[in-house]
Amino acid sequence: MTPYQYAANNPIIFIDINGDSIDFSILMKVDEKLGNGIMNNLTNDLQDLTGLSLCLEDNGQLNFAKDGSGTPIINGGSEEARNMLMSAISSTQQVKVGYHRSKSYTAGDGIVLSDKQIESFINGTSNDLDKRTLGYGMTFLHELDHSNVGSGHIDSKILGTTGKVEDRMNIIRSQMGFKWGQRLSYPAYQMSPGDNNAYLPFNKVSLNSLNKGLIPLNAVIKI
């Protein structure tokens, strides 16, 4: 232990003004017990999405690196995702990130992530898309935007529509590249009452097919 542990022993480049803005300590404890690599998957995704060099401290706080002049160190990524995460880290409000076995959601100033649900998104993603389009990072950012440090908006309940939160996620996807697609419906399509699968359209062809009651062969995510 050192007095600079809060900044991974590098207080010059890892900056968190408040020191408590995004708290992963609960999720870290669960991840350590389960051994599922949730935090590793999440931080890797967020680094790719934001282009920031992220540091997760032992106490669960998230920081990002800056150079000697105080400018964030950036390596690609989405500007929208980067601004979103930096704003949350610098917020005076705290967001605690917890765990649920089957569902990811937001409750006030808390975010709950489910690796089981996220893995189902990843495994069901069409080969035409980047598997991270509904992966750990995107799911976290989606829930973050629902929280008190985000926009606080809710999702659309109407098939074939998205809502303001998913519209923001689509901006991130567009900045990440063509293979990230565009989610065109927040609610999932269930094609028959007995069908255990649900489908999300990521292009207009898929959306039109689902609206006609047809299951497209590609560009959808099965959940």
Protein backbone atom coordinates (compact mmCIF):
# COMPACT_ATOMS: atom_id res chain seq x y z
CA MET A 1 0.00 0.00 0.00
CA THR A 2 1.20 3.51 -0.85
CA PRO A 3 -0.32 7.01 -0.56
CA TYR A 4 -0.68 6.95 -4.37
CA GLN A 5 -2.69 3.71 -4.54
CA TYR A 6 -5.77 5.74 -5.54
CA ALA A 7 -4.04 6.44 -8.87
CA ALA A 8 -2.38 3.07 -9.45
CA ASN A 9 0.87 4.60 -8.13
CA ASN A 10 0.86 7.12 -10.97
CA PRO A 11 -0.95 10.25 -9.73
CA ILE A 12 0.47 12.40 -12.54
CA ILE A 13 -1.49 10.72 -15.35
CA PHE A 14 -4.47 9.10 -13.58
CA ILE A 15 -6.93 11.77 -12.55
CA ASP A 16 -10.30 11.53 -10.78
CA ILE A 17 -11.10 14.91 -9.27
CA ASN A 18 -13.79 13.61 -6.93
CA GLY A 19 -12.32 10.16 -6.41
CA ASP A 20 -15.68 8.48 -6.05
CA SER A 21 -17.71 9.04 -9.21
CA ILE A 22 -17.99 5.50 -10.66
CA ASP A 23 -17.72 2.80 -8.01
CA PHE A 24 -17.18 -0.78 -9.24
CA SER A 25 -16.26 -2.18 -5.81
CA ILE A 26 -19.42 -4.31 -5.49
CA LEU A 27 -19.11 -5.74 -8.99
CA MET A 28 -15.41 -6.41 -8.42
CA LYS A 29 -16.16 -8.50 -5.33
CA VAL A 30 -18.79 -10.52 -7.19
CA ASP A 31 -16.46 -10.98 -10.15
CA GLU A 32 -13.67 -12.20 -7.87
CA LYS A 33 -16.04 -14.76 -6.36
CA LEU A 34 -17.47 -15.95 -9.69
CA GLY A 35 -14.22 -15.81 -11.64
CA ASN A 36 -16.03 -14.83 -14.85
CA GLY A 37 -13.74 -11.98 -15.92
CA ILE A 38 -16.56 -9.43 -15.90
CA MET A 39 -14.37 -6.48 -14.95
CA ASN A 40 -11.68 -7.38 -17.47
CA ASN A 41 -14.25 -7.62 -20.27
CA LEU A 42 -15.89 -4.37 -19.19
CA THR A 43 -12.74 -2.26 -18.89
CA ASN A 44 -11.34 -3.62 -22.18
CA ASP A 45 -14.60 -2.76 -23.96
CA LEU A 46 -14.73 0.71 -22.43
CA GLN A 47 -11.12 1.43 -23.42
CA ASP A 48 -11.89 0.45 -27.03
CA LEU A 49 -15.13 2.45 -27.05
CA THR A 50 -13.73 5.63 -25.49
CA GLY A 51 -10.09 5.52 -26.58
CA LEU A 52 -9.13 6.40 -22.99
CA SER A 53 -6.43 4.68 -20.94
CA LEU A 54 -8.48 3.49 -17.98
CA CYS A 55 -7.29 2.52 -14.53
CA LEU A 56 -9.45 0.50 -12.14
CA GLU A 57 -8.17 0.93 -8.61
CA ASP A 58 -8.22 -1.68 -5.86
CA ASN A 59 -11.06 0.18 -4.14
CA GLY A 60 -13.19 0.00 -7.30
CA GLN A 61 -12.86 3.59 -8.52
CA LEU A 62 -12.38 4.26 -12.24
CA ASN A 63 -9.81 6.78 -13.51
CA PHE A 64 -8.46 7.79 -16.91
CA ALA A 65 -4.95 8.88 -17.86
CA LYS A 66 -3.88 12.42 -18.76
CA ASP A 67 -0.59 13.74 -20.09
CA GLY A 68 1.64 16.25 -18.35
CA SER A 69 -0.49 19.17 -19.54
CA GLY A 70 -3.67 17.63 -18.15
CA THR A 71 -5.05 16.52 -21.53
CA PRO A 72 -6.72 13.08 -21.64
CA ILE A 73 -4.61 10.46 -23.43
CA ILE A 74 -6.78 9.28 -26.35
CA ASN A 75 -6.28 6.42 -28.77
CA GLY A 76 -9.22 6.19 -31.19
CA GLY A 77 -12.69 5.26 -29.98
CA SER A 78 -15.98 7.14 -30.08
CA GLU A 79 -16.06 10.81 -29.10
CA GLU A 80 -19.62 10.40 -27.80
CA ALA A 81 -18.66 7.43 -25.61
CA ARG A 82 -15.53 9.23 -24.39
CA ASN A 83 -17.38 12.41 -23.44
CA MET A 84 -20.06 10.35 -21.73
CA LEU A 85 -17.62 8.40 -19.55
CA MET A 86 -15.43 11.42 -18.75
CA SER A 87 -18.52 13.40 -17.72
CA ALA A 88 -19.62 10.59 -15.41
CA ILE A 89 -16.17 10.30 -13.82
CA SER A 90 -16.03 14.06 -13.19
CA SER A 91 -19.61 14.22 -11.88
CA THR A 92 -20.27 15.25 -8.29
CA GLN A 93 -22.81 12.39 -8.12
CA GLN A 94 -21.71 8.83 -7.50
CA VAL A 95 -22.80 5.78 -9.47
CA LYS A 96 -22.45 2.37 -7.83
CA VAL A 97 -22.24 -0.64 -10.15
CA GLY A 98 -23.61 -3.96 -8.89
CA TYR A 99 -24.48 -7.42 -10.19
CA HIS A 100 -27.60 -9.41 -11.09
CA ARG A 101 -27.71 -12.97 -12.37
CA SER A 102 -30.10 -12.44 -15.27
CA LYS A 103 -30.81 -8.78 -16.03
CA SER A 104 -28.99 -5.46 -16.45
CA TYR A 105 -30.82 -2.33 -15.32
CA THR A 106 -30.56 1.09 -13.67
CA ALA A 107 -32.13 2.20 -10.40
CA GLY A 108 -31.56 5.85 -9.48
CA ASP A 109 -27.84 6.26 -8.83
CA GLY A 110 -27.14 2.53 -9.18
CA ILE A 111 -26.33 0.36 -12.20
CA VAL A 112 -26.70 -3.42 -12.18
CA LEU A 113 -25.01 -5.60 -14.81
CA SER A 114 -25.65 -9.24 -15.69
CA ASP A 115 -22.85 -11.16 -17.37
CA LYS A 116 -25.31 -13.94 -18.25
CA GLN A 117 -27.53 -11.53 -20.19
CA ILE A 118 -24.59 -9.75 -21.83
CA GLU A 119 -23.03 -13.05 -22.91
CA SER A 120 -26.37 -14.02 -24.47
CA PHE A 121 -26.27 -10.77 -26.45
CA ILE A 122 -22.70 -11.48 -27.58
CA ASN A 123 -23.35 -15.12 -28.49
CA GLY A 124 -26.51 -14.26 -30.40
CA THR A 125 -24.98 -11.47 -32.46
CA SER A 126 -24.95 -11.99 -36.22
CA ASN A 127 -21.54 -12.60 -37.77
CA ASP A 128 -22.19 -9.48 -39.88
CA LEU A 129 -21.81 -7.35 -36.75
CA ASP A 130 -19.09 -6.62 -34.23
CA LYS A 131 -19.88 -8.85 -31.23
CA ARG A 132 -19.40 -5.88 -28.91
CA THR A 133 -22.34 -3.91 -30.33
CA LEU A 134 -24.36 -5.15 -27.36
CA GLY A 135 -21.39 -6.25 -25.28
CA TYR A 136 -20.15 -5.28 -21.83
CA GLY A 137 -19.12 -1.73 -22.68
CA MET A 138 -22.23 -0.81 -24.65
CA THR A 139 -24.54 -2.31 -22.02
CA PHE A 140 -22.76 -0.35 -19.30
CA LEU A 141 -22.96 2.92 -21.24
CA HIS A 142 -26.65 2.30 -21.99
CA GLU A 143 -27.40 1.86 -18.29
CA LEU A 144 -25.12 4.77 -17.37
CA ASP A 145 -27.16 7.08 -19.59
CA HIS A 146 -30.30 6.00 -17.71
CA SER A 147 -28.70 6.92 -14.38
CA ASN A 148 -28.65 10.23 -12.52
CA VAL A 149 -25.28 11.17 -14.06
CA GLY A 150 -26.59 10.46 -17.56
CA SER A 151 -29.64 11.82 -19.33
CA GLY A 152 -32.08 9.93 -17.11
CA HIS A 153 -34.24 9.10 -20.12
CA ILE A 154 -36.24 5.86 -20.38
CA ASP A 155 -36.42 3.38 -23.24
CA SER A 156 -39.16 3.17 -25.86
CA LYS A 157 -41.86 0.54 -25.35
CA ILE A 158 -43.01 0.57 -29.00
CA LEU A 159 -41.70 -2.02 -31.47
CA GLY A 160 -39.63 -0.48 -34.25
CA THR A 161 -38.64 2.57 -32.18
CA THR A 162 -35.60 3.23 -30.00
CA GLY A 163 -35.83 6.14 -27.56
CA LYS A 164 -33.27 8.80 -26.63
CA VAL A 165 -30.89 6.50 -24.75
CA GLU A 166 -30.60 4.00 -27.60
CA ASP A 167 -30.33 6.88 -30.08
CA ARG A 168 -27.23 7.98 -28.16
CA MET A 169 -25.87 4.43 -28.27
CA ASN A 170 -26.41 4.46 -32.04
CA ILE A 171 -24.29 7.61 -32.28
CA ILE A 172 -21.52 5.68 -30.53
CA ARG A 173 -22.02 2.75 -32.91
CA SER A 174 -21.81 5.03 -35.95
CA GLN A 175 -18.53 6.48 -34.65
CA MET A 176 -17.14 2.98 -34.05
CA GLY A 177 -17.75 1.86 -37.63
CA PHE A 178 -20.09 0.11 -40.05
CA LYS A 179 -19.84 -3.34 -38.42
CA TRP A 180 -21.37 -2.00 -35.21
CA GLY A 181 -24.71 -1.54 -37.01
CA GLN A 182 -27.63 0.59 -35.82
CA ARG A 183 -30.17 -0.77 -33.36
CA LEU A 184 -33.56 0.09 -34.88
CA SER A 185 -35.84 -1.15 -32.11
CA TYR A 186 -35.39 -1.10 -28.36
CA PRO A 187 -38.10 -3.74 -27.69
CA ALA A 188 -37.20 -7.18 -29.02
CA TYR A 189 -39.41 -9.05 -31.49
CA GLN A 190 -40.83 -12.43 -30.45
CA MET A 191 -42.07 -14.14 -33.58
CA SER A 192 -44.56 -16.55 -31.97
CA PRO A 193 -45.96 -17.11 -28.45
CA GLY A 194 -44.05 -20.38 -28.08
CA ASP A 195 -40.77 -19.04 -29.46
CA ASN A 196 -38.14 -18.66 -26.74
CA ASN A 197 -36.01 -16.49 -29.02
CA ALA A 198 -36.29 -12.74 -29.43
CA TYR A 199 -34.76 -10.66 -32.21
CA LEU A 200 -33.37 -7.14 -32.51
CA PRO A 201 -33.02 -5.47 -35.94
CA PHE A 202 -29.74 -3.76 -36.72
CA ASN A 203 -30.52 -2.75 -40.31
CA LYS A 204 -33.64 -1.73 -42.26
CA VAL A 205 -33.92 -5.06 -44.09
CA SER A 206 -34.09 -6.89 -40.77
CA LEU A 207 -36.59 -4.39 -39.37
CA ASN A 208 -38.89 -4.75 -42.39
CA SER A 209 -38.67 -8.55 -42.24
CA LEU A 210 -39.53 -8.66 -38.54
CA ASN A 211 -42.46 -6.30 -39.06
CA LYS A 212 -43.76 -8.74 -41.68
CA GLY A 213 -43.42 -11.67 -39.29
CA LEU A 214 -40.31 -13.08 -40.98
CA ILE A 215 -37.06 -13.96 -39.24
CA PRO A 216 -34.14 -12.50 -41.24
CA LEU A 217 -31.00 -14.59 -41.67
CA ASN A 218 -28.55 -11.90 -40.65
CA ALA A 219 -28.06 -8.50 -39.03
CA VAL A 220 -30.09 -9.40 -35.95
CA ILE A 221 -29.27 -10.25 -32.39
CA LYS A 222 -31.03 -13.23 -30.85
CA ILE A 223 -31.62 -12.98 -27.11
